[in-house]
Amino acid sequence: MDQPKILFICLGAYKYRSAETYDEKDRQDLYAVALHGMLRRADKNPNIHLIVIDNTVSSKDELSSSLTSLYGHPAIKDLMLINNNTLGSKSKGAGEYVMCQAVVEKHRELLKTYDWVVYYTSRQVLCFPVFIDEMNTNPTEDILICNPPYHFSDGSKILSAPLNYNDMIFAMKPTAFLGYVDSMNPEKLAKDKMNSEAWLYHYVHTSNLPFKELSHAGVLRFDYAMNKMQVV
């Protein structure tokens, strides 16, 4: 069976500001570790491609060398540095959808040439390819989604919120993904302070498209607010 063509939309906020303080270079280096891992997967599977987009910078000159050294990889079909974080500064979810809309506006026809489009918050390290493995089984569903608990290195965990879906990573067939992005209103998200996980759940359960819930996201991430590493 041929492997599906998969496009990862890698969303970033390289200069994200929050109440917590941290070394910005360290944050960018974490993005670089995650991107390096994705590109190694692409080296092994030529059907995996990436579009990298960030809404907090406008030039590669603002980025660490660990990031910029990766951008010439042939699996990266476009690098979009749009520096448009007005809504993102009010609502992280709104900022992410501004990025998705920018990708769709520029690459709508390209997206249609893939079997799957993956929404990927790209500072998360994809340590377990559960989504890729599922897509490779040729599922009949149009949406692959998950809402797992958050596990910490000290053995504790936090249960995920009900009526939400984790939006660190999820996969949709192109028509479903385009419908999802077209359904969004980032201004309303920011105004109503509605989180993107709740809207994702709403879309999945009102689109009438077949979907499958996976048990894990397969990502490793650093939670700056809690100063802890998480496996999701």
Protein backbone atom coordinates (compact mmCIF):
# COMPACT_ATOMS: atom_id res chain seq x y z
CA MET A 1 0.00 0.00 0.00
CA ASP A 2 1.37 3.41 -0.96
CA GLN A 3 2.03 5.80 1.90
CA PRO A 4 -0.26 8.86 1.92
CA LYS A 5 0.95 12.33 1.08
CA ILE A 6 1.00 14.32 4.32
CA LEU A 7 1.42 18.07 4.72
CA PHE A 8 2.32 19.37 8.19
CA ILE A 9 1.40 23.00 8.82
CA CYS A 10 3.95 23.91 11.48
CA LEU A 11 2.69 26.86 13.51
CA GLY A 12 5.12 28.90 15.59
CA ALA A 13 5.35 31.83 17.95
CA TYR A 14 9.08 32.33 18.15
CA LYS A 15 8.77 35.59 20.08
CA TYR A 16 5.73 34.76 22.18
CA ARG A 17 5.41 36.85 25.33
CA SER A 18 3.65 35.72 28.48
CA ALA A 19 3.58 36.49 32.17
CA GLU A 20 6.40 34.00 32.66
CA THR A 21 9.99 34.89 31.89
CA TYR A 22 12.35 32.69 29.95
CA ASP A 23 15.31 32.83 27.62
CA GLU A 24 13.94 33.51 24.13
CA LYS A 25 16.89 31.74 22.48
CA ASP A 26 16.09 28.63 24.51
CA ARG A 27 12.52 28.77 23.21
CA GLN A 28 13.70 29.07 19.61
CA ASP A 29 16.14 26.23 20.15
CA LEU A 30 13.22 24.06 21.34
CA TYR A 31 11.45 24.84 18.06
CA ALA A 32 14.65 23.83 16.27
CA VAL A 33 14.80 20.48 18.10
CA ALA A 34 11.17 19.77 17.15
CA LEU A 35 11.70 20.84 13.52
CA HIS A 36 14.87 18.76 13.26
CA GLY A 37 12.88 15.72 14.39
CA MET A 38 10.17 16.37 11.82
CA LEU A 39 12.74 16.74 9.04
CA ARG A 40 14.34 13.43 10.02
CA ARG A 41 10.92 11.82 9.56
CA ALA A 42 10.65 13.52 6.17
CA ASP A 43 14.08 12.14 5.21
CA LYS A 44 12.73 8.64 5.81
CA ASN A 45 9.36 9.31 4.18
CA PRO A 46 9.45 11.53 1.06
CA ASN A 47 5.64 11.86 1.20
CA ILE A 48 5.91 14.09 4.30
CA HIS A 49 6.17 17.81 3.53
CA LEU A 50 6.01 20.92 5.72
CA ILE A 51 4.86 24.52 5.57
CA VAL A 52 6.47 26.50 8.39
CA ILE A 53 4.70 29.67 9.51
CA ASP A 54 5.25 32.12 12.37
CA ASN A 55 3.23 35.22 13.23
CA THR A 56 5.68 37.01 15.57
CA VAL A 57 8.68 37.75 13.35
CA SER A 58 9.15 39.18 9.87
CA SER A 59 12.69 38.11 9.02
CA LYS A 60 15.03 35.17 9.53
CA ASP A 61 17.48 37.71 10.97
CA GLU A 62 15.38 37.64 14.16
CA LEU A 63 15.84 33.91 14.63
CA SER A 64 18.51 31.68 16.13
CA SER A 65 21.01 29.98 13.87
CA SER A 66 19.72 26.60 15.12
CA LEU A 67 16.40 27.38 13.41
CA THR A 68 17.60 29.11 10.26
CA SER A 69 20.06 26.31 9.49
CA LEU A 70 17.10 23.96 8.93
CA TYR A 71 15.03 26.05 6.55
CA GLY A 72 16.77 24.95 3.37
CA HIS A 73 15.54 21.38 3.71
CA PRO A 74 13.70 20.26 0.53
CA ALA A 75 10.73 18.92 2.54
CA ILE A 76 9.87 22.50 3.58
CA LYS A 77 7.59 23.76 0.83
CA ASP A 78 7.29 27.30 2.20
CA LEU A 79 8.52 29.46 5.08
CA MET A 80 6.02 32.17 5.98
CA LEU A 81 7.06 34.84 8.52
CA ILE A 82 3.98 37.05 8.62
CA ASN A 83 4.55 39.12 11.80
CA ASN A 84 0.81 39.53 12.42
CA ASN A 85 0.17 38.90 16.10
CA THR A 86 -2.40 41.56 16.96
CA LEU A 87 -5.09 38.98 17.63
CA GLY A 88 -2.62 36.39 18.84
CA SER A 89 -1.55 38.68 21.69
CA LYS A 90 -5.18 38.63 22.88
CA SER A 91 -5.92 34.96 22.23
CA LYS A 92 -3.35 32.27 21.40
CA GLY A 93 -5.99 30.32 19.51
CA ALA A 94 -6.91 33.34 17.42
CA GLY A 95 -3.26 33.86 16.53
CA GLU A 96 -2.95 30.26 15.41
CA TYR A 97 -5.98 30.57 13.17
CA VAL A 98 -4.62 33.77 11.65
CA MET A 99 -1.64 31.64 10.62
CA CYS A 100 -3.86 28.86 9.27
CA GLN A 101 -5.85 31.38 7.27
CA ALA A 102 -2.65 32.81 5.82
CA VAL A 103 -1.56 29.34 4.70
CA VAL A 104 -4.98 28.62 3.17
CA GLU A 105 -5.08 31.95 1.34
CA LYS A 106 -1.70 31.29 -0.23
CA HIS A 107 -1.78 27.52 -0.67
CA ARG A 108 -5.42 26.39 -0.89
CA GLU A 109 -4.86 24.50 -4.15
CA LEU A 110 -1.63 22.95 -2.89
CA LEU A 111 -3.40 21.62 0.22
CA LYS A 112 -5.88 19.79 -1.99
CA THR A 113 -3.08 17.70 -3.51
CA TYR A 114 -2.36 15.94 -0.19
CA ASP A 115 -4.16 13.03 1.42
CA TRP A 116 -3.85 14.56 4.89
CA VAL A 117 -3.20 17.99 6.36
CA VAL A 118 -1.77 18.07 9.89
CA TYR A 119 -2.17 21.04 12.20
CA TYR A 120 1.00 20.99 14.30
CA THR A 121 2.01 23.43 17.03
CA SER A 122 5.65 23.10 16.20
CA ARG A 123 7.50 23.54 19.49
CA GLN A 124 6.08 20.18 20.54
CA VAL A 125 8.53 17.36 19.85
CA LEU A 126 6.77 14.60 17.93
CA CYS A 127 8.37 11.73 19.82
CA PHE A 128 5.77 9.05 18.98
CA PRO A 129 4.36 9.05 15.43
CA VAL A 130 0.88 7.93 16.45
CA PHE A 131 -0.82 10.23 13.94
CA ILE A 132 1.51 9.26 11.10
CA ASP A 133 1.06 5.58 11.88
CA GLU A 134 -2.73 6.01 11.87
CA MET A 135 -2.70 7.87 8.55
CA ASN A 136 -0.56 5.11 7.06
CA THR A 137 -3.31 2.57 7.79
CA ASN A 138 -5.57 4.33 5.25
CA PRO A 139 -8.39 5.09 7.72
CA THR A 140 -11.89 5.77 6.45
CA GLU A 141 -12.33 8.75 8.79
CA ASP A 142 -11.84 12.34 7.62
CA ILE A 143 -10.57 13.61 10.99
CA LEU A 144 -8.03 12.18 13.45
CA ILE A 145 -8.17 13.86 16.84
CA CYS A 146 -7.33 13.26 20.51
CA ASN A 147 -7.96 14.58 24.01
CA PRO A 148 -5.50 12.73 26.25
CA PRO A 149 -4.39 13.61 29.80
CA TYR A 150 -1.12 15.45 30.38
CA HIS A 151 1.58 13.28 32.00
CA PHE A 152 4.52 14.85 33.84
CA SER A 153 8.01 13.53 34.48
CA ASP A 154 7.33 13.39 38.25
CA GLY A 155 4.56 10.83 37.68
CA SER A 156 1.64 13.22 38.11
CA LYS A 157 -0.95 13.94 35.47
CA ILE A 158 -3.72 16.40 34.63
CA LEU A 159 -6.92 15.21 33.00
CA SER A 160 -7.92 17.00 29.83
CA ALA A 161 -10.97 19.23 29.84
CA PRO A 162 -14.27 17.77 28.62
CA LEU A 163 -15.84 19.07 25.40
CA ASN A 164 -12.37 20.03 24.15
CA TYR A 165 -9.91 18.48 21.71
CA ASN A 166 -6.17 18.86 21.98
CA ASP A 167 -4.94 21.18 19.25
CA MET A 168 -1.21 20.61 19.62
CA ILE A 169 -1.62 18.19 16.74
CA PHE A 170 -4.54 16.82 14.74
CA ALA A 171 -5.07 15.62 11.18
CA MET A 172 -7.81 16.18 8.63
CA LYS A 173 -8.32 15.33 5.01
CA PRO A 174 -7.96 18.52 2.95
CA THR A 175 -11.68 19.22 2.46
CA ALA A 176 -12.28 18.85 6.19
CA PHE A 177 -9.32 21.07 7.06
CA LEU A 178 -10.36 23.80 4.64
CA GLY A 179 -13.87 23.69 6.07
CA TYR A 180 -12.44 23.94 9.57
CA VAL A 181 -10.32 27.00 8.82
CA ASP A 182 -13.09 28.65 6.80
CA SER A 183 -15.46 28.15 9.74
CA MET A 184 -13.23 30.08 12.13
CA ASN A 185 -13.60 33.70 13.14
CA PRO A 186 -10.39 34.75 14.92
CA GLU A 187 -11.83 38.13 15.89
CA LYS A 188 -14.73 36.40 17.62
CA LEU A 189 -12.35 33.99 19.34
CA ALA A 190 -10.36 36.89 20.74
CA LYS A 191 -13.44 38.94 21.69
CA ASP A 192 -15.25 36.06 23.39
CA LYS A 193 -12.05 34.65 24.92
CA MET A 194 -13.05 31.25 23.52
CA ASN A 195 -10.27 28.70 23.46
CA SER A 196 -9.40 26.99 20.21
CA GLU A 197 -9.73 23.53 21.76
CA ALA A 198 -13.44 24.12 22.39
CA TRP A 199 -14.00 25.36 18.82
CA LEU A 200 -12.18 22.33 17.47
CA TYR A 201 -14.51 20.07 19.46
CA HIS A 202 -17.52 22.06 18.16
CA TYR A 203 -16.38 21.71 14.55
CA VAL A 204 -15.68 17.99 14.78
CA HIS A 205 -19.09 17.27 16.30
CA THR A 206 -21.13 19.51 13.99
CA SER A 207 -19.40 18.85 10.65
CA ASN A 208 -21.08 15.45 10.16
CA LEU A 209 -17.71 14.09 9.03
CA PRO A 210 -16.45 10.72 10.30
CA PHE A 211 -13.73 11.10 12.91
CA LYS A 212 -11.57 8.92 15.13
CA GLU A 213 -10.26 9.75 18.60
CA LEU A 214 -6.72 8.55 19.25
CA SER A 215 -5.57 7.75 22.77
CA HIS A 216 -2.43 9.93 22.67
CA ALA A 217 -0.97 12.88 20.78
CA GLY A 218 2.56 11.46 20.92
CA VAL A 219 4.21 14.79 21.72
CA LEU A 220 6.71 15.95 24.32
CA ARG A 221 6.39 19.60 25.33
CA PHE A 222 7.65 22.06 27.92
CA ASP A 223 4.91 23.86 29.83
CA TYR A 224 6.32 27.31 30.59
CA ALA A 225 3.50 28.19 32.98
CA MET A 226 4.10 25.10 35.12
CA ASN A 227 7.85 24.87 34.45
CA LYS A 228 7.43 21.16 33.73
CA MET A 229 7.96 18.76 30.86
CA GLN A 230 4.83 16.99 29.65
CA VAL A 231 4.08 13.93 27.56
CA VAL A 232 0.63 14.08 25.92
